[in-house]
PDB file of all heavy atoms in Angstrom:
ATOM      1  N   ALA A   1      -9.511  25.283-181.787  1.00  0.00           N
ATOM      2  CA  ALA A   1     -10.739  25.882-182.391  1.00  0.00           C
ATOM      3  C   ALA A   1     -11.871  25.807-181.380  1.00  0.00           C
ATOM      4  O   ALA A   1     -12.301  24.684-181.093  1.00  0.00           O
ATOM      5  CB  ALA A   1     -11.044  25.419-183.696  1.00  0.00           C
ATOM      6  N   ALA A   2     -12.426  26.948-180.857  1.00  0.00           N
ATOM      7  CA  ALA A   2     -13.402  26.923-179.949  1.00  0.00           C
ATOM      8  C   ALA A   2     -14.715  27.332-180.573  1.00  0.00           C
ATOM      9  O   ALA A   2     -14.866  28.519-180.989  1.00  0.00           O
ATOM     10  CB  ALA A   2     -13.145  27.876-178.691  1.00  0.00           C
ATOM     11  N   ALA A   3     -15.660  26.370-180.800  1.00  0.00           N
ATOM     12  CA  ALA A   3     -16.899  26.560-181.431  1.00  0.00           C
ATOM     13  C   ALA A   3     -16.863  26.392-182.918  1.00  0.00           C
ATOM     14  O   ALA A   3     -15.849  26.486-183.588  1.00  0.00           O
ATOM     15  CB  ALA A   3     -17.560  27.706-180.908  1.00  0.00           C
ATOM     16  N   ASP A   4     -18.065  26.454-183.540  1.00  0.00           N
ATOM     17  CA  ASP A   4     -18.276  26.188-184.963  1.00  0.00           C
ATOM     18  C   ASP A   4     -17.504  27.135-185.859  1.00  0.00           C
ATOM     19  O   ASP A   4     -16.874  26.821-186.781  1.00  0.00           O
ATOM     20  CB  ASP A   4     -19.710  26.075-185.300  1.00  0.00           C
ATOM     21  CG  ASP A   4     -20.474  25.136-184.529  1.00  0.00           C
ATOM     22  OD1 ASP A   4     -19.904  24.442-183.702  1.00  0.00           O
ATOM     23  OD2 ASP A   4     -21.734  25.019-184.778  1.00  0.00           O
ATOM     24  N   GLY A   5     -17.707  28.409-185.476  1.00  0.00           N
ATOM     25  CA  GLY A   5     -17.050  29.458-186.436  1.00  0.00           C
ATOM     26  C   GLY A   5     -15.570  29.336-186.550  1.00  0.00           C
ATOM     27  O   GLY A   5     -15.088  29.555-187.744  1.00  0.00           O
ATOM     28  N   ALA A   6     -14.957  29.071-185.454  1.00  0.00           N
ATOM     29  CA  ALA A   6     -13.480  28.943-185.536  1.00  0.00           C
ATOM     30  C   ALA A   6     -12.987  27.803-186.259  1.00  0.00           C
ATOM     31  O   ALA A   6     -12.078  27.805-187.148  1.00  0.00           O
ATOM     32  CB  ALA A   6     -12.886  28.912-184.107  1.00  0.00           C
ATOM     33  N   LEU A   7     -13.666  26.629-186.164  1.00  0.00           N
ATOM     34  CA  LEU A   7     -13.279  25.470-186.923  1.00  0.00           C
ATOM     35  C   LEU A   7     -13.670  25.668-188.449  1.00  0.00           C
ATOM     36  O   LEU A   7     -12.867  25.295-189.254  1.00  0.00           O
ATOM     37  CB  LEU A   7     -14.021  24.288-186.306  1.00  0.00           C
ATOM     38  CG  LEU A   7     -13.721  22.859-187.040  1.00  0.00           C
ATOM     39  CD1 LEU A   7     -12.354  22.611-186.855  1.00  0.00           C
ATOM     40  CD2 LEU A   7     -14.581  21.807-186.462  1.00  0.00           C
ATOM     41  N   ASP A   8     -14.743  26.309-188.684  1.00  0.00           N
ATOM     42  CA  ASP A   8     -15.076  26.619-190.052  1.00  0.00           C
ATOM     43  C   ASP A   8     -14.002  27.460-190.783  1.00  0.00           C
ATOM     44  O   ASP A   8     -13.609  27.227-191.908  1.00  0.00           O
ATOM     45  CB  ASP A   8     -16.540  27.272-190.199  1.00  0.00           C
ATOM     46  CG  ASP A   8     -17.072  27.478-191.534  1.00  0.00           C
ATOM     47  OD1 ASP A   8     -17.196  26.417-192.270  1.00  0.00           O
ATOM     48  OD2 ASP A   8     -17.135  28.570-192.040  1.00  0.00           O
ATOM     49  N   LEU A   9     -13.527  28.426-190.084  1.00  0.00           N
ATOM     50  CA  LEU A   9     -12.445  29.251-190.621  1.00  0.00           C
ATOM     51  C   LEU A   9     -11.219  28.454-190.961  1.00  0.00           C
ATOM     52  O   LEU A   9     -10.653  28.589-192.027  1.00  0.00           O
ATOM     53  CB  LEU A   9     -12.164  30.403-189.678  1.00  0.00           C
ATOM     54  CG  LEU A   9     -11.000  31.308-190.035  1.00  0.00           C
ATOM     55  CD1 LEU A   9     -11.305  32.125-191.238  1.00  0.00           C
ATOM     56  CD2 LEU A   9     -10.500  32.191-188.803  1.00  0.00           C
ATOM     57  N   LEU A  10     -10.823  27.619-190.050  1.00  0.00           N
ATOM     58  CA  LEU A  10      -9.641  26.794-190.227  1.00  0.00           C
ATOM     59  C   LEU A  10      -9.804  25.824-191.287  1.00  0.00           C
ATOM     60  O   LEU A  10      -8.898  25.447-192.078  1.00  0.00           O
ATOM     61  CB  LEU A  10      -9.277  26.097-188.892  1.00  0.00           C
ATOM     62  CG  LEU A  10      -8.716  26.987-187.677  1.00  0.00           C
ATOM     63  CD1 LEU A  10      -8.519  26.287-186.575  1.00  0.00           C
ATOM     64  CD2 LEU A  10      -7.499  27.848-188.251  1.00  0.00           C
ATOM     65  N   LEU A  11     -11.018  25.220-191.412  1.00  0.00           N
ATOM     66  CA  LEU A  11     -11.272  24.269-192.603  1.00  0.00           C
ATOM     67  C   LEU A  11     -11.146  24.792-193.915  1.00  0.00           C
ATOM     68  O   LEU A  11     -10.548  24.201-194.857  1.00  0.00           O
ATOM     69  CB  LEU A  11     -12.751  23.686-192.388  1.00  0.00           C
ATOM     70  CG  LEU A  11     -12.893  22.633-191.251  1.00  0.00           C
ATOM     71  CD1 LEU A  11     -14.360  22.291-191.187  1.00  0.00           C
ATOM     72  CD2 LEU A  11     -12.088  21.425-191.501  1.00  0.00           C
ATOM     73  N   HIS A  12     -11.480  26.082-193.999  1.00  0.00           N
ATOM     74  CA  HIS A  12     -11.443  26.839-195.342  1.00  0.00           C
ATOM     75  C   HIS A  12     -10.168  27.497-195.641  1.00  0.00           C
ATOM     76  O   HIS A  12      -9.718  27.836-196.753  1.00  0.00           O
ATOM     77  CB  HIS A  12     -12.558  27.809-195.459  1.00  0.00           C
ATOM     78  CG  HIS A  12     -14.003  27.213-195.647  1.00  0.00           C
ATOM     79  ND1 HIS A  12     -14.671  26.734-194.515  1.00  0.00           N
ATOM     80  CD2 HIS A  12     -14.640  26.708-196.711  1.00  0.00           C
ATOM     81  CE1 HIS A  12     -15.743  26.180-194.955  1.00  0.00           C
ATOM     82  NE2 HIS A  12     -15.758  26.125-196.206  1.00  0.00           N
ATOM     83  N   HIS A  13      -9.454  28.042-194.518  1.00  0.00           N
ATOM     84  CA  HIS A  13      -8.120  28.816-194.692  1.00  0.00           C
ATOM     85  C   HIS A  13      -6.998  28.325-194.033  1.00  0.00           C
ATOM     86  O   HIS A  13      -5.995  29.058-193.693  1.00  0.00           O
ATOM     87  CB  HIS A  13      -8.442  30.250-194.341  1.00  0.00           C
ATOM     88  CG  HIS A  13      -9.614  30.822-194.985  1.00  0.00           C
ATOM     89  ND1 HIS A  13      -9.608  31.396-196.310  1.00  0.00           N
ATOM     90  CD2 HIS A  13     -10.970  30.977-194.640  1.00  0.00           C
ATOM     91  CE1 HIS A  13     -10.775  31.906-196.629  1.00  0.00           C
ATOM     92  NE2 HIS A  13     -11.667  31.619-195.670  1.00  0.00           N
ATOM     93  N   ARG A  14      -7.000  26.967-193.663  1.00  0.00           N
ATOM     94  CA  ARG A  14      -5.783  26.424-192.960  1.00  0.00           C
ATOM     95  C   ARG A  14      -4.585  26.598-193.759  1.00  0.00           C
ATOM     96  O   ARG A  14      -3.491  26.919-193.188  1.00  0.00           O
ATOM     97  CB  ARG A  14      -6.096  24.969-192.633  1.00  0.00           C
ATOM     98  CG  ARG A  14      -5.054  24.249-191.898  1.00  0.00           C
ATOM     99  CD  ARG A  14      -5.296  22.860-191.585  1.00  0.00           C
ATOM    100  NE  ARG A  14      -4.350  22.243-190.694  1.00  0.00           N
ATOM    101  CZ  ARG A  14      -4.315  20.916-190.488  1.00  0.00           C
ATOM    102  NH1 ARG A  14      -5.271  20.024-190.996  1.00  0.00           N
ATOM    103  NH2 ARG A  14      -3.384  20.429-189.672  1.00  0.00           N
ATOM    104  N   ALA A  15      -4.652  26.299-195.033  1.00  0.00           N
ATOM    105  CA  ALA A  15      -3.514  26.381-195.892  1.00  0.00           C
ATOM    106  C   ALA A  15      -2.834  27.748-195.953  1.00  0.00           C
ATOM    107  O   ALA A  15      -1.596  27.981-196.024  1.00  0.00           O
ATOM    108  CB  ALA A  15      -3.736  25.864-197.295  1.00  0.00           C
ATOM    109  N   GLU A  16      -3.614  28.849-195.814  1.00  0.00           N
ATOM    110  CA  GLU A  16      -3.107  30.188-195.820  1.00  0.00           C
ATOM    111  C   GLU A  16      -2.556  30.623-194.465  1.00  0.00           C
ATOM    112  O   GLU A  16      -1.697  31.488-194.362  1.00  0.00           O
ATOM    113  CB  GLU A  16      -4.155  31.234-196.100  1.00  0.00           C
ATOM    114  CG  GLU A  16      -4.959  30.947-197.474  1.00  0.00           C
ATOM    115  CD  GLU A  16      -6.107  31.691-197.653  1.00  0.00           C
ATOM    116  OE1 GLU A  16      -6.052  32.840-197.472  1.00  0.00           O
ATOM    117  OE2 GLU A  16      -7.276  31.132-197.904  1.00  0.00           O
ATOM    118  N   LEU A  17      -3.001  29.918-193.308  1.00  0.00           N
ATOM    119  CA  LEU A  17      -2.578  30.326-192.031  1.00  0.00           C
ATOM    120  C   LEU A  17      -1.602  29.342-191.473  1.00  0.00           C
ATOM    121  O   LEU A  17      -0.401  29.777-191.271  1.00  0.00           O
ATOM    122  CB  LEU A  17      -3.844  30.371-191.046  1.00  0.00           C
ATOM    123  CG  LEU A  17      -4.821  31.397-191.400  1.00  0.00           C
ATOM    124  CD1 LEU A  17      -6.143  31.156-190.652  1.00  0.00           C
ATOM    125  CD2 LEU A  17      -4.341  32.764-191.158  1.00  0.00           C
ATOM    126  N   PHE A  18      -1.993  28.126-191.033  1.00  0.00           N
ATOM    127  CA  PHE A  18      -1.055  27.212-190.305  1.00  0.00           C
ATOM    128  C   PHE A  18      -1.262  25.872-190.934  1.00  0.00           C
ATOM    129  O   PHE A  18      -1.763  24.933-190.327  1.00  0.00           O
ATOM    130  CB  PHE A  18      -1.369  27.252-188.824  1.00  0.00           C
ATOM    131  CG  PHE A  18      -1.549  28.654-188.234  1.00  0.00           C
ATOM    132  CD1 PHE A  18      -2.847  29.056-187.935  1.00  0.00           C
ATOM    133  CD2 PHE A  18      -0.486  29.423-188.018  1.00  0.00           C
ATOM    134  CE1 PHE A  18      -3.033  30.389-187.409  1.00  0.00           C
ATOM    135  CE2 PHE A  18      -0.704  30.790-187.497  1.00  0.00           C
ATOM    136  CZ  PHE A  18      -1.934  31.223-187.182  1.00  0.00           C
ATOM    137  N   PRO A  19      -0.645  25.614-192.084  1.00  0.00           N
ATOM    138  CA  PRO A  19      -0.897  24.315-192.808  1.00  0.00           C
ATOM    139  C   PRO A  19      -0.418  23.075-192.084  1.00  0.00           C
ATOM    140  O   PRO A  19      -1.011  22.118-192.143  1.00  0.00           O
ATOM    141  CB  PRO A  19      -0.198  24.512-194.127  1.00  0.00           C
ATOM    142  CG  PRO A  19       0.779  25.583-193.877  1.00  0.00           C
ATOM    143  CD  PRO A  19       0.268  26.589-192.859  1.00  0.00           C
ATOM    144  N   GLN A  20       0.670  23.241-191.281  1.00  0.00           N
ATOM    145  CA  GLN A  20       1.272  22.059-190.601  1.00  0.00           C
ATOM    146  C   GLN A  20       0.860  21.892-189.164  1.00  0.00           C
ATOM    147  O   GLN A  20       1.326  20.966-188.523  1.00  0.00           O
ATOM    148  CB  GLN A  20       2.727  22.041-190.813  1.00  0.00           C
ATOM    149  CG  GLN A  20       3.220  22.117-192.259  1.00  0.00           C
ATOM    150  CD  GLN A  20       2.718  21.017-193.137  1.00  0.00           C
ATOM    151  OE1 GLN A  20       2.606  19.893-192.651  1.00  0.00           O
ATOM    152  NE2 GLN A  20       2.335  21.297-194.375  1.00  0.00           N
ATOM    153  N   VAL A  21       0.185  22.816-188.668  1.00  0.00           N
ATOM    154  CA  VAL A  21      -0.155  22.820-187.212  1.00  0.00           C
ATOM    155  C   VAL A  21      -1.369  21.921-186.887  1.00  0.00           C
ATOM    156  O   VAL A  21      -2.383  22.080-187.492  1.00  0.00           O
ATOM    157  CB  VAL A  21      -0.438  24.267-186.693  1.00  0.00           C
ATOM    158  CG1 VAL A  21      -0.744  24.297-185.249  1.00  0.00           C
ATOM    159  CG2 VAL A  21       0.858  25.193-186.950  1.00  0.00           C
ATOM    160  N   PRO A  22      -1.178  20.928-185.943  1.00  0.00           N
ATOM    161  CA  PRO A  22      -2.359  19.987-185.567  1.00  0.00           C
ATOM    162  C   PRO A  22      -3.441  20.900-184.854  1.00  0.00           C
ATOM    163  O   PRO A  22      -3.227  21.874-184.258  1.00  0.00           O
ATOM    164  CB  PRO A  22      -1.787  19.034-184.614  1.00  0.00           C
ATOM    165  CG  PRO A  22      -0.480  19.635-184.101  1.00  0.00           C
ATOM    166  CD  PRO A  22       0.010  20.580-185.193  1.00  0.00           C
ATOM    167  N   ILE A  23      -4.627  20.468-185.174  1.00  0.00           N
ATOM    168  CA  ILE A  23      -5.799  21.266-184.672  1.00  0.00           C
ATOM    169  C   ILE A  23      -6.627  20.436-183.745  1.00  0.00           C
ATOM    170  O   ILE A  23      -7.028  19.241-184.075  1.00  0.00           O
ATOM    171  CB  ILE A  23      -6.673  21.723-185.858  1.00  0.00           C
ATOM    172  CG1 ILE A  23      -5.939  22.698-186.706  1.00  0.00           C
ATOM    173  CG2 ILE A  23      -7.973  22.319-185.317  1.00  0.00           C
ATOM    174  CD1 ILE A  23      -6.605  23.123-187.955  1.00  0.00           C
ATOM    175  N   ILE A  24      -7.024  20.994-182.506  1.00  0.00           N
ATOM    176  CA  ILE A  24      -7.999  20.434-181.581  1.00  0.00           C
ATOM    177  C   ILE A  24      -9.175  21.210-181.577  1.00  0.00           C
ATOM    178  O   ILE A  24      -9.028  22.501-181.631  1.00  0.00           O
ATOM    179  CB  ILE A  24      -7.337  20.402-180.176  1.00  0.00           C
ATOM    180  CG1 ILE A  24      -6.045  19.630-180.127  1.00  0.00           C
ATOM    181  CG2 ILE A  24      -8.396  19.810-179.214  1.00  0.00           C
ATOM    182  CD1 ILE A  24      -6.178  18.229-180.401  1.00  0.00           C
ATOM    183  N   TYR A  25     -10.420  20.651-181.653  1.00  0.00           N
ATOM    184  CA  TYR A  25     -11.598  21.528-181.624  1.00  0.00           C
ATOM    185  C   TYR A  25     -12.386  21.167-180.362  1.00  0.00           C
ATOM    186  O   TYR A  25     -12.325  19.989-179.806  1.00  0.00           O
ATOM    187  CB  TYR A  25     -12.461  21.340-182.852  1.00  0.00           C
ATOM    188  CG  TYR A  25     -12.876  19.936-183.141  1.00  0.00           C
ATOM    189  CD1 TYR A  25     -14.013  19.407-182.475  1.00  0.00           C
ATOM    190  CD2 TYR A  25     -12.361  19.049-184.027  1.00  0.00           C
ATOM    191  CE1 TYR A  25     -14.621  18.163-182.656  1.00  0.00           C
ATOM    192  CE2 TYR A  25     -12.763  17.773-184.210  1.00  0.00           C
ATOM    193  CZ  TYR A  25     -13.859  17.316-183.606  1.00  0.00           C
ATOM    194  OH  TYR A  25     -14.392  16.056-183.824  1.00  0.00           O
ATOM    195  N   ALA A  26     -13.062  22.047-179.839  1.00  0.00           N
ATOM    196  CA  ALA A  26     -14.060  21.965-178.677  1.00  0.00           C
ATOM    197  C   ALA A  26     -15.197  22.784-178.762  1.00  0.00           C
ATOM    198  O   ALA A  26     -15.044  23.957-179.445  1.00  0.00           O
ATOM    199  CB  ALA A  26     -13.089  22.264-177.457  1.00  0.00           C
ATOM    200  N   GLY A  27     -16.213  22.444-178.226  1.00  0.00           N
ATOM    201  CA  GLY A  27     -17.484  23.163-178.271  1.00  0.00           C
ATOM    202  C   GLY A  27     -18.093  23.300-179.585  1.00  0.00           C
ATOM    203  O   GLY A  27     -18.813  24.210-179.931  1.00  0.00           O
ATOM    204  N   VAL A  28     -17.780  22.332-180.534  1.00  0.00           N
ATOM    205  CA  VAL A  28     -18.295  22.322-181.911  1.00  0.00           C
ATOM    206  C   VAL A  28     -19.555  21.295-181.891  1.00  0.00           C
ATOM    207  O   VAL A  28     -19.456  20.279-181.435  1.00  0.00           O
ATOM    208  CB  VAL A  28     -17.313  21.817-182.867  1.00  0.00           C
ATOM    209  CG1 VAL A  28     -17.838  21.614-184.245  1.00  0.00           C
ATOM    210  CG2 VAL A  28     -16.043  22.723-182.979  1.00  0.00           C
ATOM    211  N   LEU A  29     -20.617  21.757-182.485  1.00  0.00           N
ATOM    212  CA  LEU A  29     -21.809  20.927-182.502  1.00  0.00           C
ATOM    213  C   LEU A  29     -21.733  19.828-183.376  1.00  0.00           C
ATOM    214  O   LEU A  29     -21.104  19.828-184.441  1.00  0.00           O
ATOM    215  CB  LEU A  29     -23.001  21.960-182.985  1.00  0.00           C
ATOM    216  CG  LEU A  29     -23.530  23.019-182.055  1.00  0.00           C
ATOM    217  CD1 LEU A  29     -24.439  23.907-182.794  1.00  0.00           C
ATOM    218  CD2 LEU A  29     -24.095  22.383-180.811  1.00  0.00           C
ATOM    219  N   ARG A  30     -22.261  18.713-183.033  1.00  0.00           N
ATOM    220  CA  ARG A  30     -22.248  17.428-183.775  1.00  0.00           C
ATOM    221  C   ARG A  30     -22.923  17.715-185.179  1.00  0.00           C
ATOM    222  O   ARG A  30     -22.500  17.139-186.178  1.00  0.00           O
ATOM    223  CB  ARG A  30     -23.007  16.301-182.998  1.00  0.00           C
ATOM    224  CG  ARG A  30     -22.832  14.977-183.620  1.00  0.00           C
ATOM    225  CD  ARG A  30     -23.541  13.973-182.790  1.00  0.00           C
ATOM    226  NE  ARG A  30     -23.080  13.886-181.517  1.00  0.00           N
ATOM    227  CZ  ARG A  30     -21.988  13.021-181.117  1.00  0.00           C
ATOM    228  NH1 ARG A  30     -21.357  12.415-182.102  1.00  0.00           N
ATOM    229  NH2 ARG A  30     -21.613  13.069-179.821  1.00  0.00           N
ATOM    230  N   SER A  31     -23.964  18.507-185.109  1.00  0.00           N
ATOM    231  CA  SER A  31     -24.664  18.706-186.301  1.00  0.00           C
ATOM    232  C   SER A  31     -23.800  19.505-187.360  1.00  0.00           C
ATOM    233  O   SER A  31     -23.853  19.329-188.588  1.00  0.00           O
ATOM    234  CB  SER A  31     -25.893  19.608-186.132  1.00  0.00           C
ATOM    235  OG  SER A  31     -25.602  20.704-185.438  1.00  0.00           O
TER     236      SER A  31
END
């Protein structure tokens, strides 16, 4: 997941998309 928007999508819809796939995030703001 590159940046906040992509990680936010996976946090809310991971179960519908790729429930068992490990996730690496980058470019996500600490805030």
